[in-house]
Amino acid sequence: MHPDLAWPRLICDGDRAVGFVMAYFGLKFDSGADVPDAPPRSGLWRLAVAADEQGRGYGRFAVGAVNEELRRRGGTVSTVTWKPGGGGPEEFCLRLGYRERGLTDDGEYLGDLDLAG
């Protein structure tokens, strides 16, 4: 992946790694397949926080850093997808202000967060 498109970061607390986050910027895709007429999207690609470190604000911090970088690059909307069902990130994403926009062709929920407001 081109370095201008992917933004991988380790989430650390001092010298201790507690998770990983990766954003993507300006990709044209829909359900993982390139679609020529789809508008480019940017947002949260992957977020993983160690199970014993969850609930301590690391995920919220990481998503905030992704969205700040997106704003720095001129973005106004942050996008995320998640699989439906219990135990997933849906509640977390909704608490952060992402609004469900519908389902992708892969059956994942698509959520957007307005960064301009």
PDB file of N, CA and C in Angstrom:
ATOM      1  N   MET A   1       0.854  -1.180   0.000  1.00  0.00           N
ATOM      2  CA  MET A   1       0.000   0.000   0.000  1.00  0.00           C
ATOM      3  C   MET A   1       0.888   1.228   0.000  1.00  0.00           C
ATOM      4  N   HIS A   2       0.506   2.212  -0.754  1.00  0.00           N
ATOM      5  CA  HIS A   2       1.238   3.465  -0.865  1.00  0.00           C
ATOM      6  C   HIS A   2       1.218   4.209   0.471  1.00  0.00           C
ATOM      7  N   PRO A   3       2.349   4.782   0.921  1.00  0.00           N
ATOM      8  CA  PRO A   3       2.394   5.448   2.224  1.00  0.00           C
ATOM      9  C   PRO A   3       1.482   6.660   2.338  1.00  0.00           C
ATOM     10  N   ASP A   4       1.094   7.266   1.216  1.00  0.00           N
ATOM     11  CA  ASP A   4       0.164   8.391   1.298  1.00  0.00           C
ATOM     12  C   ASP A   4      -1.275   7.924   1.495  1.00  0.00           C
ATOM     13  N   LEU A   5      -1.529   6.642   1.294  1.00  0.00           N
ATOM     14  CA  LEU A   5      -2.882   6.105   1.429  1.00  0.00           C
ATOM     15  C   LEU A   5      -3.106   5.403   2.766  1.00  0.00           C
ATOM     16  N   ALA A   6      -2.094   4.697   3.258  1.00  0.00           N
ATOM     17  CA  ALA A   6      -2.231   3.960   4.516  1.00  0.00           C
ATOM     18  C   ALA A   6      -1.460   4.671   5.619  1.00  0.00           C
ATOM     19  N   TRP A   7      -2.006   4.625   6.829  1.00  0.00           N
ATOM     20  CA  TRP A   7      -1.423   5.315   7.973  1.00  0.00           C
ATOM     21  C   TRP A   7      -1.431   4.354   9.165  1.00  0.00           C
ATOM     22  N   PRO A   8      -0.486   3.415   9.230  1.00  0.00           N
ATOM     23  CA  PRO A   8      -0.437   2.469  10.351  1.00  0.00           C
ATOM     24  C   PRO A   8       0.293   3.085  11.551  1.00  0.00           C
ATOM     25  N   ARG A   9      -0.247   2.853  12.753  1.00  0.00           N
ATOM     26  CA  ARG A   9       0.368   3.377  13.966  1.00  0.00           C
ATOM     27  C   ARG A   9       0.206   2.377  15.112  1.00  0.00           C
ATOM     28  N   LEU A  10       1.250   2.246  15.888  1.00  0.00           N
ATOM     29  CA  LEU A  10       1.221   1.466  17.110  1.00  0.00           C
ATOM     30  C   LEU A  10       0.661   2.357  18.211  1.00  0.00           C
ATOM     31  N   ILE A  11      -0.200   1.818  19.048  1.00  0.00           N
ATOM     32  CA  ILE A  11      -0.754   2.573  20.175  1.00  0.00           C
ATOM     33  C   ILE A  11       0.049   2.168  21.401  1.00  0.00           C
ATOM     34  N   CYS A  12       0.708   3.138  22.022  1.00  0.00           N
ATOM     35  CA  CYS A  12       1.575   2.851  23.169  1.00  0.00           C
ATOM     36  C   CYS A  12       1.134   3.644  24.391  1.00  0.00           C
ATOM     37  N   ASP A  13       1.388   3.061  25.546  1.00  0.00           N
ATOM     38  CA  ASP A  13       1.251   3.748  26.823  1.00  0.00           C
ATOM     39  C   ASP A  13       2.641   3.704  27.437  1.00  0.00           C
ATOM     40  N   GLY A  14       3.345   4.808  27.326  1.00  0.00           N
ATOM     41  CA  GLY A  14       4.758   4.813  27.713  1.00  0.00           C
ATOM     42  C   GLY A  14       5.531   3.930  26.745  1.00  0.00           C
ATOM     43  N   ASP A  15       6.251   2.959  27.272  1.00  0.00           N
ATOM     44  CA  ASP A  15       7.014   2.050  26.409  1.00  0.00           C
ATOM     45  C   ASP A  15       6.275   0.734  26.172  1.00  0.00           C
ATOM     46  N   ARG A  16       5.011   0.682  26.550  1.00  0.00           N
ATOM     47  CA  ARG A  16       4.206  -0.535  26.442  1.00  0.00           C
ATOM     48  C   ARG A  16       3.216  -0.436  25.281  1.00  0.00           C
ATOM     49  N   ALA A  17       3.300  -1.370  24.330  1.00  0.00           N
ATOM     50  CA  ALA A  17       2.345  -1.417  23.216  1.00  0.00           C
ATOM     51  C   ALA A  17       1.013  -1.956  23.725  1.00  0.00           C
ATOM     52  N   VAL A  18      -0.069  -1.240  23.420  1.00  0.00           N
ATOM     53  CA  VAL A  18      -1.397  -1.657  23.861  1.00  0.00           C
ATOM     54  C   VAL A  18      -2.350  -1.897  22.696  1.00  0.00           C
ATOM     55  N   GLY A  19      -1.935  -1.537  21.473  1.00  0.00           N
ATOM     56  CA  GLY A  19      -2.820  -1.744  20.341  1.00  0.00           C
ATOM     57  C   GLY A  19      -2.213  -1.258  19.039  1.00  0.00           C
ATOM     58  N   PHE A  20      -3.052  -1.265  18.020  1.00  0.00           N
ATOM     59  CA  PHE A  20      -2.651  -0.907  16.664  1.00  0.00           C
ATOM     60  C   PHE A  20      -3.840  -0.233  15.989  1.00  0.00           C
ATOM     61  N   VAL A  21      -3.563   0.793  15.198  1.00  0.00           N
ATOM     62  CA  VAL A  21      -4.602   1.452  14.420  1.00  0.00           C
ATOM     63  C   VAL A  21      -4.053   1.707  13.020  1.00  0.00           C
ATOM     64  N   MET A  22      -4.914   1.604  12.020  1.00  0.00           N
ATOM     65  CA  MET A  22      -4.527   1.969  10.662  1.00  0.00           C
ATOM     66  C   MET A  22      -5.689   2.706  10.006  1.00  0.00           C
ATOM     67  N   ALA A  23      -5.340   3.824   9.383  1.00  0.00           N
ATOM     68  CA  ALA A  23      -6.302   4.616   8.625  1.00  0.00           C
ATOM     69  C   ALA A  23      -5.995   4.478   7.148  1.00  0.00           C
ATOM     70  N   TYR A  24      -6.945   4.881   6.326  1.00  0.00           N
ATOM     71  CA  TYR A  24      -6.737   4.944   4.878  1.00  0.00           C
ATOM     72  C   TYR A  24      -7.248   6.298   4.408  1.00  0.00           C
ATOM     73  N   PHE A  25      -6.621   6.812   3.352  1.00  0.00           N
ATOM     74  CA  PHE A  25      -6.942   8.146   2.869  1.00  0.00           C
ATOM     75  C   PHE A  25      -7.186   8.132   1.367  1.00  0.00           C
ATOM     76  N   GLY A  26      -8.357   8.584   0.964  1.00  0.00           N
ATOM     77  CA  GLY A  26      -8.667   8.796  -0.446  1.00  0.00           C
ATOM     78  C   GLY A  26      -8.746   7.549  -1.296  1.00  0.00           C
ATOM     79  N   LEU A  27      -9.173   6.433  -0.720  1.00  0.00           N
ATOM     80  CA  LEU A  27      -9.308   5.206  -1.507  1.00  0.00           C
ATOM     81  C   LEU A  27     -10.662   5.172  -2.188  1.00  0.00           C
ATOM     82  N   LYS A  28     -10.664   4.684  -3.409  1.00  0.00           N
ATOM     83  CA  LYS A  28     -11.912   4.491  -4.149  1.00  0.00           C
ATOM     84  C   LYS A  28     -12.232   3.008  -4.098  1.00  0.00           C
ATOM     85  N   PHE A  29     -13.233   2.643  -3.314  1.00  0.00           N
ATOM     86  CA  PHE A  29     -13.615   1.240  -3.229  1.00  0.00           C
ATOM     87  C   PHE A  29     -15.042   1.130  -2.730  1.00  0.00           C
ATOM     88  N   ASP A  30     -15.578  -0.029  -2.939  1.00  0.00           N
ATOM     89  CA  ASP A  30     -16.886  -0.369  -2.405  1.00  0.00           C
ATOM     90  C   ASP A  30     -16.848  -1.852  -2.109  1.00  0.00           C
ATOM     91  N   SER A  31     -16.949  -2.205  -0.858  1.00  0.00           N
ATOM     92  CA  SER A  31     -16.918  -3.605  -0.427  1.00  0.00           C
ATOM     93  C   SER A  31     -15.625  -4.295  -0.834  1.00  0.00           C
ATOM     94  N   GLY A  32     -14.521  -3.559  -0.825  1.00  0.00           N
ATOM     95  CA  GLY A  32     -13.232  -4.161  -1.116  1.00  0.00           C
ATOM     96  C   GLY A  32     -12.872  -4.202  -2.584  1.00  0.00           C
ATOM     97  N   ALA A  33     -13.769  -3.844  -3.467  1.00  0.00           N
ATOM     98  CA  ALA A  33     -13.485  -3.876  -4.910  1.00  0.00           C
ATOM     99  C   ALA A  33     -13.441  -2.440  -5.439  1.00  0.00           C
ATOM    100  N   ASP A  34     -12.504  -2.149  -6.285  1.00  0.00           N
ATOM    101  CA  ASP A  34     -12.425  -0.812  -6.878  1.00  0.00           C
ATOM    102  C   ASP A  34     -13.638  -0.577  -7.761  1.00  0.00           C
ATOM    103  N   VAL A  35     -14.267   0.565  -7.586  1.00  0.00           N
ATOM    104  CA  VAL A  35     -15.427   0.952  -8.381  1.00  0.00           C
ATOM    105  C   VAL A  35     -15.118   2.325  -8.959  1.00  0.00           C
ATOM    106  N   PRO A  36     -14.998   2.441 -10.288  1.00  0.00           N
ATOM    107  CA  PRO A  36     -14.561   3.698 -10.897  1.00  0.00           C
ATOM    108  C   PRO A  36     -15.395   4.916 -10.528  1.00  0.00           C
ATOM    109  N   ASP A  37     -16.721   4.779 -10.366  1.00  0.00           N
ATOM    110  CA  ASP A  37     -17.555   5.952 -10.113  1.00  0.00           C
ATOM    111  C   ASP A  37     -17.816   6.186  -8.626  1.00  0.00           C
ATOM    112  N   ALA A  38     -17.257   5.359  -7.731  1.00  0.00           N
ATOM    113  CA  ALA A  38     -17.451   5.552  -6.296  1.00  0.00           C
ATOM    114  C   ALA A  38     -16.577   6.719  -5.820  1.00  0.00           C
ATOM    115  N   PRO A  39     -17.127   7.566  -4.935  1.00  0.00           N
ATOM    116  CA  PRO A  39     -16.299   8.654  -4.423  1.00  0.00           C
ATOM    117  C   PRO A  39     -15.211   8.092  -3.507  1.00  0.00           C
ATOM    118  N   PRO A  40     -14.055   8.739  -3.451  1.00  0.00           N
ATOM    119  CA  PRO A  40     -13.008   8.262  -2.551  1.00  0.00           C
ATOM    120  C   PRO A  40     -13.452   8.405  -1.095  1.00  0.00           C
ATOM    121  N   ARG A  41     -13.021   7.468  -0.265  1.00  0.00           N
ATOM    122  CA  ARG A  41     -13.338   7.501   1.156  1.00  0.00           C
ATOM    123  C   ARG A  41     -12.045   7.496   1.951  1.00  0.00           C
ATOM    124  N   SER A  42     -12.145   7.986   3.171  1.00  0.00           N
ATOM    125  CA  SER A  42     -11.031   7.976   4.105  1.00  0.00           C
ATOM    126  C   SER A  42     -11.584   7.645   5.476  1.00  0.00           C
ATOM    127  N   GLY A  43     -10.771   6.998   6.300  1.00  0.00           N
ATOM    128  CA  GLY A  43     -11.225   6.729   7.653  1.00  0.00           C
ATOM    129  C   GLY A  43     -10.470   5.624   8.336  1.00  0.00           C
ATOM    130  N   LEU A  44     -11.144   4.997   9.260  1.00  0.00           N
ATOM    131  CA  LEU A  44     -10.578   3.958  10.105  1.00  0.00           C
ATOM    132  C   LEU A  44     -10.599   2.627   9.370  1.00  0.00           C
ATOM    133  N   TRP A  45      -9.437   2.037   9.202  1.00  0.00           N
ATOM    134  CA  TRP A  45      -9.320   0.770   8.497  1.00  0.00           C
ATOM    135  C   TRP A  45      -9.268  -0.387   9.486  1.00  0.00           C
ATOM    136  N   ARG A  46      -8.387  -0.294  10.468  1.00  0.00           N
ATOM    137  CA  ARG A  46      -8.236  -1.345  11.478  1.00  0.00           C
ATOM    138  C   ARG A  46      -7.987  -0.700  12.834  1.00  0.00           C
ATOM    139  N   LEU A  47      -8.550  -1.318  13.876  1.00  0.00           N
ATOM    140  CA  LEU A  47      -8.278  -0.911  15.245  1.00  0.00           C
ATOM    141  C   LEU A  47      -8.263  -2.162  16.093  1.00  0.00           C
ATOM    142  N   ALA A  48      -7.184  -2.364  16.807  1.00  0.00           N
ATOM    143  CA  ALA A  48      -7.066  -3.505  17.711  1.00  0.00           C
ATOM    144  C   ALA A  48      -6.429  -3.020  19.003  1.00  0.00           C
ATOM    145  N   VAL A  49      -7.130  -3.216  20.092  1.00  0.00           N
ATOM    146  CA  VAL A  49      -6.605  -2.903  21.417  1.00  0.00           C
ATOM    147  C   VAL A  49      -6.589  -4.216  22.191  1.00  0.00           C
ATOM    148  N   ALA A  50      -5.466  -4.498  22.861  1.00  0.00           N
ATOM    149  CA  ALA A  50      -5.336  -5.732  23.629  1.00  0.00           C
ATOM    150  C   ALA A  50      -6.531  -5.895  24.562  1.00  0.00           C
ATOM    151  N   ALA A  51      -7.035  -7.113  24.675  1.00  0.00           N
ATOM    152  CA  ALA A  51      -8.243  -7.383  25.453  1.00  0.00           C
ATOM    153  C   ALA A  51      -8.146  -6.845  26.876  1.00  0.00           C
ATOM    154  N   ASP A  52      -7.010  -7.018  27.519  1.00  0.00           N
ATOM    155  CA  ASP A  52      -6.870  -6.559  28.906  1.00  0.00           C
ATOM    156  C   ASP A  52      -6.620  -5.055  29.016  1.00  0.00           C
ATOM    157  N   GLU A  53      -6.547  -4.366  27.878  1.00  0.00           N
ATOM    158  CA  GLU A  53      -6.346  -2.907  27.865  1.00  0.00           C
ATOM    159  C   GLU A  53      -7.596  -2.158  27.407  1.00  0.00           C
ATOM    160  N   GLN A  54      -8.642  -2.882  27.018  1.00  0.00           N
ATOM    161  CA  GLN A  54      -9.858  -2.241  26.525  1.00  0.00           C
ATOM    162  C   GLN A  54     -10.590  -1.546  27.660  1.00  0.00           C
ATOM    163  N   GLY A  55     -11.301  -0.486  27.307  1.00  0.00           N
ATOM    164  CA  GLY A  55     -12.063   0.272  28.294  1.00  0.00           C
ATOM    165  C   GLY A  55     -11.244   1.331  29.006  1.00  0.00           C
ATOM    166  N   ARG A  56     -10.026   1.571  28.552  1.00  0.00           N
ATOM    167  CA  ARG A  56      -9.147   2.555  29.194  1.00  0.00           C
ATOM    168  C   ARG A  56      -8.924   3.799  28.333  1.00  0.00           C
ATOM    169  N   GLY A  57      -9.654   3.919  27.224  1.00  0.00           N
ATOM    170  CA  GLY A  57      -9.568   5.113  26.397  1.00  0.00           C
ATOM    171  C   GLY A  57      -8.578   5.037  25.248  1.00  0.00           C
ATOM    172  N   TYR A  58      -7.873   3.915  25.093  1.00  0.00           N
ATOM    173  CA  TYR A  58      -6.887   3.809  24.024  1.00  0.00           C
ATOM    174  C   TYR A  58      -7.542   3.835  22.640  1.00  0.00           C
ATOM    175  N   GLY A  59      -8.659   3.148  22.493  1.00  0.00           N
ATOM    176  CA  GLY A  59      -9.363   3.129  21.211  1.00  0.00           C
ATOM    177  C   GLY A  59      -9.892   4.503  20.853  1.00  0.00           C
ATOM    178  N   ARG A  60     -10.491   5.167  21.810  1.00  0.00           N
ATOM    179  CA  ARG A  60     -11.012   6.532  21.584  1.00  0.00           C
ATOM    180  C   ARG A  60      -9.865   7.464  21.191  1.00  0.00           C
ATOM    181  N   PHE A  61      -8.726   7.350  21.888  1.00  0.00           N
ATOM    182  CA  PHE A  61      -7.547   8.147  21.561  1.00  0.00           C
ATOM    183  C   PHE A  61      -7.091   7.874  20.133  1.00  0.00           C
ATOM    184  N   ALA A  62      -7.021   6.599  19.750  1.00  0.00           N
ATOM    185  CA  ALA A  62      -6.540   6.225  18.417  1.00  0.00           C
ATOM    186  C   ALA A  62      -7.464   6.731  17.320  1.00  0.00           C
ATOM    187  N   VAL A  63      -8.766   6.586  17.505  1.00  0.00           N
ATOM    188  CA  VAL A  63      -9.720   7.076  16.504  1.00  0.00           C
ATOM    189  C   VAL A  63      -9.635   8.597  16.415  1.00  0.00           C
ATOM    190  N   GLY A  64      -9.459   9.259  17.548  1.00  0.00           N
ATOM    191  CA  GLY A  64      -9.272  10.709  17.531  1.00  0.00           C
ATOM    192  C   GLY A  64      -8.041  11.116  16.736  1.00  0.00           C
ATOM    193  N   ALA A  65      -6.951  10.357  16.887  1.00  0.00           N
ATOM    194  CA  ALA A  65      -5.725  10.649  16.137  1.00  0.00           C
ATOM    195  C   ALA A  65      -5.935  10.434  14.643  1.00  0.00           C
ATOM    196  N   VAL A  66      -6.658   9.376  14.285  1.00  0.00           N
ATOM    197  CA  VAL A  66      -6.972   9.128  12.875  1.00  0.00           C
ATOM    198  C   VAL A  66      -7.768  10.294  12.318  1.00  0.00           C
ATOM    199  N   ASN A  67      -8.792  10.727  13.041  1.00  0.00           N
ATOM    200  CA  ASN A  67      -9.649  11.801  12.536  1.00  0.00           C
ATOM    201  C   ASN A  67      -8.925  13.135  12.493  1.00  0.00           C
ATOM    202  N   GLU A  68      -8.003  13.360  13.420  1.00  0.00           N
ATOM    203  CA  GLU A  68      -7.202  14.578  13.370  1.00  0.00           C
ATOM    204  C   GLU A  68      -6.291  14.574  12.138  1.00  0.00           C
ATOM    205  N   GLU A  69      -5.695  13.430  11.827  1.00  0.00           N
ATOM    206  CA  GLU A  69      -4.859  13.319  10.629  1.00  0.00           C
ATOM    207  C   GLU A  69      -5.701  13.503   9.369  1.00  0.00           C
ATOM    208  N   LEU A  70      -6.913  12.958   9.400  1.00  0.00           N
ATOM    209  CA  LEU A  70      -7.811  13.122   8.253  1.00  0.00           C
ATOM    210  C   LEU A  70      -8.137  14.602   8.037  1.00  0.00           C
ATOM    211  N   ARG A  71      -8.430  15.305   9.129  1.00  0.00           N
ATOM    212  CA  ARG A  71      -8.690  16.758   9.021  1.00  0.00           C
ATOM    213  C   ARG A  71      -7.461  17.486   8.487  1.00  0.00           C
ATOM    214  N   ARG A  72      -6.275  17.123   8.994  1.00  0.00           N
ATOM    215  CA  ARG A  72      -5.034  17.757   8.556  1.00  0.00           C
ATOM    216  C   ARG A  72      -4.837  17.609   7.054  1.00  0.00           C
ATOM    217  N   ARG A  73      -5.308  16.489   6.508  1.00  0.00           N
ATOM    218  CA  ARG A  73      -5.195  16.222   5.073  1.00  0.00           C
ATOM    219  C   ARG A  73      -6.357  16.804   4.278  1.00  0.00           C
ATOM    220  N   GLY A  74      -7.234  17.541   4.949  1.00  0.00           N
ATOM    221  CA  GLY A  74      -8.348  18.193   4.260  1.00  0.00           C
ATOM    222  C   GLY A  74      -9.640  17.396   4.244  1.00  0.00           C
ATOM    223  N   GLY A  75      -9.683  16.267   4.951  1.00  0.00           N
ATOM    224  CA  GLY A  75     -10.887  15.445   4.972  1.00  0.00           C
ATOM    225  C   GLY A  75     -11.986  16.043   5.820  1.00  0.00           C
ATOM    226  N   THR A  76     -13.220  15.749   5.448  1.00  0.00           N
ATOM    227  CA  THR A  76     -14.374  16.252   6.202  1.00  0.00           C
ATOM    228  C   THR A  76     -15.286  15.133   6.696  1.00  0.00           C
ATOM    229  N   VAL A  77     -15.047  13.898   6.234  1.00  0.00           N
ATOM    230  CA  VAL A  77     -15.855  12.746   6.643  1.00  0.00           C
ATOM    231  C   VAL A  77     -14.923  11.577   6.925  1.00  0.00           C
ATOM    232  N   SER A  78     -15.141  10.940   8.065  1.00  0.00           N
ATOM    233  CA  SER A  78     -14.400   9.732   8.425  1.00  0.00           C
ATOM    234  C   SER A  78     -15.344   8.538   8.280  1.00  0.00           C
ATOM    235  N   THR A  79     -14.875   7.494   7.622  1.00  0.00           N
ATOM    236  CA  THR A  79     -15.707   6.319   7.353  1.00  0.00           C
ATOM    237  C   THR A  79     -15.146   5.096   8.067  1.00  0.00           C
ATOM    238  N   VAL A  80     -16.037   4.231   8.502  1.00  0.00           N
ATOM    239  CA  VAL A  80     -15.659   2.972   9.134  1.00  0.00           C
ATOM    240  C   VAL A  80     -16.685   1.913   8.747  1.00  0.00           C
ATOM    241  N   THR A  81     -16.266   0.665   8.699  1.00  0.00           N
ATOM    242  CA  THR A  81     -17.206  -0.439   8.502  1.00  0.00           C
ATOM    243  C   THR A  81     -17.040  -1.414   9.655  1.00  0.00           C
ATOM    244  N   TRP A  82     -18.132  -2.143   9.953  1.00  0.00           N
ATOM    245  CA  TRP A  82     -18.070  -3.181  10.988  1.00  0.00           C
ATOM    246  C   TRP A  82     -19.060  -4.271  10.660  1.00  0.00           C
ATOM    247  N   LYS A  83     -18.735  -5.455  11.111  1.00  0.00           N
ATOM    248  CA  LYS A  83     -19.625  -6.602  10.920  1.00  0.00           C
ATOM    249  C   LYS A  83     -20.743  -6.539  11.946  1.00  0.00           C
ATOM    250  N   PRO A  84     -21.973  -6.835  11.529  1.00  0.00           N
ATOM    251  CA  PRO A  84     -23.088  -6.834  12.485  1.00  0.00           C
ATOM    252  C   PRO A  84     -22.944  -7.991  13.480  1.00  0.00           C
ATOM    253  N   GLY A  85     -23.550  -7.806  14.616  1.00  0.00           N
ATOM    254  CA  GLY A  85     -23.556  -8.877  15.608  1.00  0.00           C
ATOM    255  C   GLY A  85     -22.888  -8.467  16.902  1.00  0.00           C
ATOM    256  N   GLY A  86     -23.152  -9.253  17.945  1.00  0.00           N
ATOM    257  CA  GLY A  86     -22.600  -8.981  19.261  1.00  0.00           C
ATOM    258  C   GLY A  86     -21.096  -9.135  19.305  1.00  0.00           C
ATOM    259  N   GLY A  87     -20.490  -8.424  20.228  1.00  0.00           N
ATOM    260  CA  GLY A  87     -19.059  -8.527  20.430  1.00  0.00           C
ATOM    261  C   GLY A  87     -18.226  -7.712  19.464  1.00  0.00           C
ATOM    262  N   GLY A  88     -18.862  -7.019  18.538  1.00  0.00           N
ATOM    263  CA  GLY A  88     -18.132  -6.214  17.557  1.00  0.00           C
ATOM    264  C   GLY A  88     -18.012  -4.768  17.995  1.00  0.00           C
ATOM    265  N   PRO A  89     -17.497  -3.928  17.118  1.00  0.00           N
ATOM    266  CA  PRO A  89     -17.244  -2.527  17.463  1.00  0.00           C
ATOM    267  C   PRO A  89     -18.412  -1.575  17.244  1.00  0.00           C
ATOM    268  N   GLU A  90     -19.596  -2.102  16.921  1.00  0.00           N
ATOM    269  CA  GLU A  90     -20.713  -1.222  16.571  1.00  0.00           C
ATOM    270  C   GLU A  90     -21.007  -0.196  17.662  1.00  0.00           C
ATOM    271  N   GLU A  91     -21.189  -0.624  18.900  1.00  0.00           N
ATOM    272  CA  GLU A  91     -21.517   0.313  19.978  1.00  0.00           C
ATOM    273  C   GLU A  91     -20.417   1.347  20.165  1.00  0.00           C
ATOM    274  N   PHE A  92     -19.170   0.905  20.077  1.00  0.00           N
ATOM    275  CA  PHE A  92     -18.023   1.809  20.202  1.00  0.00           C
ATOM    276  C   PHE A  92     -18.089   2.882  19.126  1.00  0.00           C
ATOM    277  N   CYS A  93     -18.286   2.478  17.876  1.00  0.00           N
ATOM    278  CA  CYS A  93     -18.339   3.438  16.764  1.00  0.00           C
ATOM    279  C   CYS A  93     -19.494   4.417  16.934  1.00  0.00           C
ATOM    280  N   LEU A  94     -20.649   3.918  17.324  1.00  0.00           N
ATOM    281  CA  LEU A  94     -21.812   4.787  17.506  1.00  0.00           C
ATOM    282  C   LEU A  94     -21.598   5.769  18.655  1.00  0.00           C
ATOM    283  N   ARG A  95     -20.958   5.312  19.735  1.00  0.00           N
ATOM    284  CA  ARG A  95     -20.654   6.218  20.858  1.00  0.00           C
ATOM    285  C   ARG A  95     -19.703   7.339  20.435  1.00  0.00           C
ATOM    286  N   LEU A  96     -18.822   7.052  19.474  1.00  0.00           N
ATOM    287  CA  LEU A  96     -17.888   8.070  18.999  1.00  0.00           C
ATOM    288  C   LEU A  96     -18.538   9.049  18.024  1.00  0.00           C
ATOM    289  N   GLY A  97     -19.795   8.793  17.653  1.00  0.00           N
ATOM    290  CA  GLY A  97     -20.516   9.715  16.783  1.00  0.00           C
ATOM    291  C   GLY A  97     -20.692   9.254  15.352  1.00  0.00           C
ATOM    292  N   TYR A  98     -20.165   8.081  15.006  1.00  0.00           N
ATOM    293  CA  TYR A  98     -20.383   7.558  13.660  1.00  0.00           C
ATOM    294  C   TYR A  98     -21.864   7.240  13.499  1.00  0.00           C
ATOM    295  N   ARG A  99     -22.388   7.550  12.338  1.00  0.00           N
ATOM    296  CA  ARG A  99     -23.800   7.266  12.040  1.00  0.00           C
ATOM    297  C   ARG A  99     -23.862   6.172  10.992  1.00  0.00           C
ATOM    298  N   GLU A 100     -24.678   5.190  11.273  1.00  0.00           N
ATOM    299  CA  GLU A 100     -24.846   4.080  10.339  1.00  0.00           C
ATOM    300  C   GLU A 100     -25.460   4.591   9.047  1.00  0.00           C
ATOM    301  N   ARG A 101     -24.814   4.259   7.930  1.00  0.00           N
ATOM    302  CA  ARG A 101     -25.282   4.711   6.617  1.00  0.00           C
ATOM    303  C   ARG A 101     -25.917   3.603   5.804  1.00  0.00           C
ATOM    304  N   GLY A 102     -25.766   2.368   6.224  1.00  0.00           N
ATOM    305  CA  GLY A 102     -26.331   1.261   5.472  1.00  0.00           C
ATOM    306  C   GLY A 102     -25.380   0.087   5.463  1.00  0.00           C
ATOM    307  N   LEU A 103     -25.698  -0.880   4.612  1.00  0.00           N
ATOM    308  CA  LEU A 103     -24.884  -2.087   4.505  1.00  0.00           C
ATOM    309  C   LEU A 103     -24.081  -2.077   3.214  1.00  0.00           C
ATOM    310  N   THR A 104     -22.864  -2.604   3.283  1.00  0.00           N
ATOM    311  CA  THR A 104     -22.060  -2.787   2.081  1.00  0.00           C
ATOM    312  C   THR A 104     -22.518  -4.067   1.388  1.00  0.00           C
ATOM    313  N   ASP A 105     -22.010  -4.303   0.206  1.00  0.00           N
ATOM    314  CA  ASP A 105     -22.329  -5.540  -0.511  1.00  0.00           C
ATOM    315  C   ASP A 105     -21.833  -6.771   0.245  1.00  0.00           C
ATOM    316  N   ASP A 106     -20.833  -6.585   1.122  1.00  0.00           N
ATOM    317  CA  ASP A 106     -20.301  -7.683   1.929  1.00  0.00           C
ATOM    318  C   ASP A 106     -21.097  -7.919   3.204  1.00  0.00           C
ATOM    319  N   GLY A 107     -22.157  -7.136   3.432  1.00  0.00           N
ATOM    320  CA  GLY A 107     -22.978  -7.304   4.622  1.00  0.00           C
ATOM    321  C   GLY A 107     -22.418  -6.620   5.855  1.00  0.00           C
ATOM    322  N   GLU A 108     -21.461  -5.712   5.671  1.00  0.00           N
ATOM    323  CA  GLU A 108     -20.935  -4.939   6.786  1.00  0.00           C
ATOM    324  C   GLU A 108     -21.678  -3.608   6.857  1.00  0.00           C
ATOM    325  N   TYR A 109     -21.788  -3.085   8.089  1.00  0.00           N
ATOM    326  CA  TYR A 109     -22.364  -1.762   8.252  1.00  0.00           C
ATOM    327  C   TYR A 109     -21.335  -0.715   7.866  1.00  0.00           C
ATOM    328  N   LEU A 110     -21.802   0.345   7.227  1.00  0.00           N
ATOM    329  CA  LEU A 110     -20.959   1.474   6.845  1.00  0.00           C
ATOM    330  C   LEU A 110     -21.373   2.643   7.719  1.00  0.00           C
ATOM    331  N   GLY A 111     -20.400   3.256   8.390  1.00  0.00           N
ATOM    332  CA  GLY A 111     -20.683   4.403   9.235  1.00  0.00           C
ATOM    333  C   GLY A 111     -19.827   5.583   8.849  1.00  0.00           C
ATOM    334  N   ASP A 112     -20.409   6.786   8.967  1.00  0.00           N
ATOM    335  CA  ASP A 112     -19.703   8.018   8.659  1.00  0.00           C
ATOM    336  C   ASP A 112     -19.742   8.946   9.859  1.00  0.00           C
ATOM    337  N   LEU A 113     -18.681   9.714  10.012  1.00  0.00           N
ATOM    338  CA  LEU A 113     -18.595  10.744  11.031  1.00  0.00           C
ATOM    339  C   LEU A 113     -18.254  12.060  10.348  1.00  0.00           C
ATOM    340  N   ASP A 114     -19.095  13.070  10.534  1.00  0.00           N
ATOM    341  CA  ASP A 114     -18.858  14.393   9.952  1.00  0.00           C
ATOM    342  C   ASP A 114     -17.786  15.094  10.771  1.00  0.00           C
ATOM    343  N   LEU A 115     -16.661  15.386  10.141  1.00  0.00           N
ATOM    344  CA  LEU A 115     -15.549  16.033  10.829  1.00  0.00           C
ATOM    345  C   LEU A 115     -15.597  17.544  10.723  1.00  0.00           C
ATOM    346  N   ALA A 116     -16.487  18.065   9.885  1.00  0.00           N
ATOM    347  CA  ALA A 116     -16.553  19.509   9.663  1.00  0.00           C
ATOM    348  C   ALA A 116     -17.312  20.227  10.780  1.00  0.00           C
ATOM    349  N   GLY A 117     -18.189  19.512  11.452  1.00  0.00           N
ATOM    350  CA  GLY A 117     -19.046  20.175  12.442  1.00  0.00           C
ATOM    351  C   GLY A 117     -18.621  20.075  13.838  1.00  0.00           C
TER     352      GLY A 117
END
